[in-house]
Amino acid sequence: METTRTTDLLNELSTDDSNIHFKSYITSHADDMSCDNLQDYFNLYFKDHPELLTADVIKRSNLDRGYAYQILNGRKPHPGKYKLVLLALCAGMNLKEIQRALTISGNAVLYPKFPQDAALIVCINQNCTSAFEVMNFFAENNLDFPE
């Protein structure tokens, strides 16, 4: 998700006429505003990536279909950390985007001092796009995937 840099937004609000143009500012930067729930966050992500099919992302994540749809439609606003990471990774999110999704969901971000989290960070940075690839990486490195 390409967003405008925060410093650029602050500069825009720091102009003398920012009070006059506030409504147009809000309208023109609607996509840059923070999402406060996973449903909106994923909706924006899928909007920016029209080539992604939700069913394909869920299939690659190897999550229970019902559970994944509950995350995406907002009925599961606080999913398990590692299930959310798998879903976001299979959607092609980068590390920054996944960390943001974790924060929105109330989960701890991936922490490089935890071996499983470090392994997931490597998988994300290597652009793994399926649970199969992630599980193989874990197996190759004698790690159990966290529940």
C-alpha atoms as a PDB file:
ATOM      1  CA  MET A   1       0.000   0.000   0.000  1.00  0.00           C
ATOM      2  CA  GLU A   2       1.619   3.176  -1.162  1.00  0.00           C
ATOM      3  CA  THR A   3       0.926   6.000   1.197  1.00  0.00           C
ATOM      4  CA  THR A   4       2.113   9.551   1.438  1.00  0.00           C
ATOM      5  CA  ARG A   5       4.984  10.080   3.846  1.00  0.00           C
ATOM      6  CA  THR A   6       3.907  11.424   7.223  1.00  0.00           C
ATOM      7  CA  THR A   7       6.361  14.317   6.965  1.00  0.00           C
ATOM      8  CA  ASP A   8       4.770  15.350   3.663  1.00  0.00           C
ATOM      9  CA  LEU A   9       1.341  15.299   5.275  1.00  0.00           C
ATOM     10  CA  LEU A  10       2.614  17.374   8.197  1.00  0.00           C
ATOM     11  CA  ASN A  11       4.124  19.897   5.798  1.00  0.00           C
ATOM     12  CA  GLU A  12       0.827  20.174   3.982  1.00  0.00           C
ATOM     13  CA  LEU A  13      -0.971  20.845   7.265  1.00  0.00           C
ATOM     14  CA  SER A  14       1.625  23.428   8.283  1.00  0.00           C
ATOM     15  CA  THR A  15       0.770  25.910   5.543  1.00  0.00           C
ATOM     16  CA  ASP A  16      -0.979  29.162   6.357  1.00  0.00           C
ATOM     17  CA  ASP A  17      -4.153  28.140   4.528  1.00  0.00           C
ATOM     18  CA  SER A  18      -4.435  24.598   5.947  1.00  0.00           C
ATOM     19  CA  ASN A  19      -7.534  25.580   7.940  1.00  0.00           C
ATOM     20  CA  ILE A  20      -9.303  26.647   4.749  1.00  0.00           C
ATOM     21  CA  HIS A  21      -8.381  23.464   2.865  1.00  0.00           C
ATOM     22  CA  PHE A  22      -8.918  20.924   5.635  1.00  0.00           C
ATOM     23  CA  LYS A  23     -11.936  19.233   4.024  1.00  0.00           C
ATOM     24  CA  SER A  24     -10.138  18.804   0.725  1.00  0.00           C
ATOM     25  CA  TYR A  25      -7.092  17.520   2.636  1.00  0.00           C
ATOM     26  CA  ILE A  26      -9.200  14.822   4.319  1.00  0.00           C
ATOM     27  CA  THR A  27     -10.835  13.871   1.024  1.00  0.00           C
ATOM     28  CA  SER A  28      -7.641  13.773  -1.012  1.00  0.00           C
ATOM     29  CA  HIS A  29      -5.730  11.753   1.597  1.00  0.00           C
ATOM     30  CA  ALA A  30      -8.447   9.313   2.630  1.00  0.00           C
ATOM     31  CA  ASP A  31      -6.263   6.340   1.646  1.00  0.00           C
ATOM     32  CA  ASP A  32      -3.390   7.684   3.754  1.00  0.00           C
ATOM     33  CA  MET A  33      -5.424   7.815   6.948  1.00  0.00           C
ATOM     34  CA  SER A  34      -4.773   5.074   9.467  1.00  0.00           C
ATOM     35  CA  CYS A  35      -7.106   2.117   9.505  1.00  0.00           C
ATOM     36  CA  ASP A  36      -8.489   1.204  12.880  1.00  0.00           C
ATOM     37  CA  ASN A  37      -9.578  -2.332  12.027  1.00  0.00           C
ATOM     38  CA  LEU A  38      -8.308  -5.286  10.026  1.00  0.00           C
ATOM     39  CA  GLN A  39     -11.264  -5.364   7.693  1.00  0.00           C
ATOM     40  CA  ASP A  40     -10.536  -1.836   6.441  1.00  0.00           C
ATOM     41  CA  TYR A  41      -6.802  -2.526   6.325  1.00  0.00           C
ATOM     42  CA  PHE A  42      -7.224  -5.641   4.166  1.00  0.00           C
ATOM     43  CA  ASN A  43      -9.880  -3.950   2.022  1.00  0.00           C
ATOM     44  CA  LEU A  44      -7.453  -1.126   1.232  1.00  0.00           C
ATOM     45  CA  TYR A  45      -4.694  -3.617   0.528  1.00  0.00           C
ATOM     46  CA  PHE A  46      -6.856  -5.657  -1.838  1.00  0.00           C
ATOM     47  CA  LYS A  47      -8.021  -2.436  -3.502  1.00  0.00           C
ATOM     48  CA  ASP A  48      -4.377  -1.556  -4.179  1.00  0.00           C
ATOM     49  CA  HIS A  49      -3.728  -5.094  -5.475  1.00  0.00           C
ATOM     50  CA  PRO A  50      -6.656  -5.940  -7.766  1.00  0.00           C
ATOM     51  CA  GLU A  51      -4.758  -8.921  -9.161  1.00  0.00           C
ATOM     52  CA  LEU A  52      -5.230 -10.737  -5.846  1.00  0.00           C
ATOM     53  CA  LEU A  53      -8.176 -13.044  -5.430  1.00  0.00           C
ATOM     54  CA  THR A  54      -9.264 -13.506  -1.834  1.00  0.00           C
ATOM     55  CA  ALA A  55      -9.940 -17.206  -2.346  1.00  0.00           C
ATOM     56  CA  ASP A  56      -6.413 -17.752  -3.718  1.00  0.00           C
ATOM     57  CA  VAL A  57      -4.815 -15.907  -0.795  1.00  0.00           C
ATOM     58  CA  ILE A  58      -6.791 -17.997   1.685  1.00  0.00           C
ATOM     59  CA  LYS A  59      -5.926 -21.220  -0.127  1.00  0.00           C
ATOM     60  CA  ARG A  60      -2.183 -20.375  -0.102  1.00  0.00           C
ATOM     61  CA  SER A  61      -2.385 -19.530   3.620  1.00  0.00           C
ATOM     62  CA  ASN A  62      -3.707 -23.026   4.410  1.00  0.00           C
ATOM     63  CA  LEU A  63      -5.962 -21.475   7.054  1.00  0.00           C
ATOM     64  CA  ASP A  64      -9.463 -22.703   7.673  1.00  0.00           C
ATOM     65  CA  ARG A  65     -11.540 -20.896   5.062  1.00  0.00           C
ATOM     66  CA  GLY A  66     -14.184 -19.766   7.550  1.00  0.00           C
ATOM     67  CA  TYR A  67     -11.582 -18.397   9.959  1.00  0.00           C
ATOM     68  CA  ALA A  68      -9.782 -16.473   7.204  1.00  0.00           C
ATOM     69  CA  TYR A  69     -13.032 -14.954   5.952  1.00  0.00           C
ATOM     70  CA  GLN A  70     -13.908 -13.928   9.508  1.00  0.00           C
ATOM     71  CA  ILE A  71     -10.621 -12.010   9.669  1.00  0.00           C
ATOM     72  CA  LEU A  72     -11.230 -10.352   6.315  1.00  0.00           C
ATOM     73  CA  ASN A  73     -14.858  -9.409   6.940  1.00  0.00           C
ATOM     74  CA  GLY A  74     -14.251  -8.026  10.419  1.00  0.00           C
ATOM     75  CA  ARG A  75     -15.960 -10.708  12.508  1.00  0.00           C
ATOM     76  CA  LYS A  76     -12.567 -11.783  13.895  1.00  0.00           C
ATOM     77  CA  PRO A  77     -10.905  -8.425  14.745  1.00  0.00           C
ATOM     78  CA  HIS A  78      -8.247 -10.010  17.009  1.00  0.00           C
ATOM     79  CA  PRO A  79      -7.057 -13.186  15.271  1.00  0.00           C
ATOM     80  CA  GLY A  80      -4.103 -15.241  16.385  1.00  0.00           C
ATOM     81  CA  LYS A  81      -0.778 -13.580  15.619  1.00  0.00           C
ATOM     82  CA  TYR A  82       0.678 -16.315  13.458  1.00  0.00           C
ATOM     83  CA  LYS A  83      -2.523 -17.004  11.555  1.00  0.00           C
ATOM     84  CA  LEU A  84      -2.713 -13.324  10.696  1.00  0.00           C
ATOM     85  CA  VAL A  85       0.924 -13.332   9.596  1.00  0.00           C
ATOM     86  CA  LEU A  86       0.273 -16.282   7.277  1.00  0.00           C
ATOM     87  CA  LEU A  87      -2.757 -14.595   5.744  1.00  0.00           C
ATOM     88  CA  ALA A  88      -0.923 -11.297   5.236  1.00  0.00           C
ATOM     89  CA  LEU A  89       2.205 -13.006   3.904  1.00  0.00           C
ATOM     90  CA  CYS A  90       0.127 -14.980   1.399  1.00  0.00           C
ATOM     91  CA  ALA A  91      -1.452 -11.712   0.265  1.00  0.00           C
ATOM     92  CA  GLY A  92       2.065 -10.489  -0.520  1.00  0.00           C
ATOM     93  CA  MET A  93       2.348  -7.921   2.246  1.00  0.00           C
ATOM     94  CA  ASN A  94       5.841  -6.753   3.110  1.00  0.00           C
ATOM     95  CA  LEU A  95       7.245  -6.687   6.643  1.00  0.00           C
ATOM     96  CA  LYS A  96       6.116  -3.135   7.359  1.00  0.00           C
ATOM     97  CA  GLU A  97       2.563  -3.901   6.201  1.00  0.00           C
ATOM     98  CA  ILE A  98       2.427  -7.105   8.249  1.00  0.00           C
ATOM     99  CA  GLN A  99       3.720  -5.334  11.352  1.00  0.00           C
ATOM    100  CA  ARG A 100       0.955  -2.739  10.877  1.00  0.00           C
ATOM    101  CA  ALA A 101      -1.689  -5.481  10.550  1.00  0.00           C
ATOM    102  CA  LEU A 102      -0.407  -7.052  13.764  1.00  0.00           C
ATOM    103  CA  THR A 103      -0.607  -3.720  15.563  1.00  0.00           C
ATOM    104  CA  ILE A 104      -4.148  -3.066  14.332  1.00  0.00           C
ATOM    105  CA  SER A 105      -5.231  -6.516  15.526  1.00  0.00           C
ATOM    106  CA  GLY A 106      -3.789  -5.958  18.989  1.00  0.00           C
ATOM    107  CA  ASN A 107      -1.047  -8.551  18.532  1.00  0.00           C
ATOM    108  CA  ALA A 108       2.630  -8.089  19.266  1.00  0.00           C
ATOM    109  CA  VAL A 109       4.739  -7.306  16.217  1.00  0.00           C
ATOM    110  CA  LEU A 110       7.266  -9.828  14.975  1.00  0.00           C
ATOM    111  CA  TYR A 111      10.300  -9.666  17.227  1.00  0.00           C
ATOM    112  CA  PRO A 112      13.674 -10.661  15.746  1.00  0.00           C
ATOM    113  CA  LYS A 113      14.955 -12.046  19.065  1.00  0.00           C
ATOM    114  CA  PHE A 114      12.320 -14.828  18.996  1.00  0.00           C
ATOM    115  CA  PRO A 115      13.486 -17.643  16.681  1.00  0.00           C
ATOM    116  CA  GLN A 116      10.033 -18.279  15.178  1.00  0.00           C
ATOM    117  CA  ASP A 117       9.462 -14.570  14.597  1.00  0.00           C
ATOM    118  CA  ALA A 118      12.947 -14.232  13.091  1.00  0.00           C
ATOM    119  CA  ALA A 119      12.178 -17.132  10.751  1.00  0.00           C
ATOM    120  CA  LEU A 120       8.929 -15.459   9.679  1.00  0.00           C
ATOM    121  CA  ILE A 121      10.767 -12.198   9.035  1.00  0.00           C
ATOM    122  CA  VAL A 122      13.176 -14.096   6.767  1.00  0.00           C
ATOM    123  CA  CYS A 123      10.236 -15.715   4.930  1.00  0.00           C
ATOM    124  CA  ILE A 124       8.563 -12.331   4.468  1.00  0.00           C
ATOM    125  CA  ASN A 125      11.765 -10.728   3.207  1.00  0.00           C
ATOM    126  CA  GLN A 126      12.312 -13.656   0.810  1.00  0.00           C
ATOM    127  CA  ASN A 127       8.812 -13.030  -0.582  1.00  0.00           C
ATOM    128  CA  CYS A 128       7.376 -16.403   0.396  1.00  0.00           C
ATOM    129  CA  THR A 129       3.782 -16.485  -0.775  1.00  0.00           C
ATOM    130  CA  SER A 130       2.418 -19.708   0.664  1.00  0.00           C
ATOM    131  CA  ALA A 131       2.133 -21.532   3.958  1.00  0.00           C
ATOM    132  CA  PHE A 132       3.863 -24.451   2.261  1.00  0.00           C
ATOM    133  CA  GLU A 133       7.022 -22.376   1.689  1.00  0.00           C
ATOM    134  CA  VAL A 134       6.938 -21.098   5.272  1.00  0.00           C
ATOM    135  CA  MET A 135       6.478 -24.578   6.747  1.00  0.00           C
ATOM    136  CA  ASN A 136       9.352 -25.886   4.609  1.00  0.00           C
ATOM    137  CA  PHE A 137      11.600 -23.102   5.879  1.00  0.00           C
ATOM    138  CA  PHE A 138      10.657 -23.932   9.463  1.00  0.00           C
ATOM    139  CA  ALA A 139      11.282 -27.653   8.902  1.00  0.00           C
ATOM    140  CA  GLU A 140      14.660 -27.005   7.238  1.00  0.00           C
ATOM    141  CA  ASN A 141      15.681 -25.005  10.298  1.00  0.00           C
ATOM    142  CA  ASN A 142      14.299 -27.448  12.897  1.00  0.00           C
ATOM    143  CA  LEU A 143      11.679 -25.004  14.155  1.00  0.00           C
ATOM    144  CA  ASP A 144       8.093 -25.707  15.109  1.00  0.00           C
ATOM    145  CA  PHE A 145       5.585 -23.309  13.640  1.00  0.00           C
ATOM    146  CA  PRO A 146       3.905 -21.441  16.513  1.00  0.00           C
ATOM    147  CA  GLU A 147       0.209 -21.963  17.108  1.00  0.00           C
END
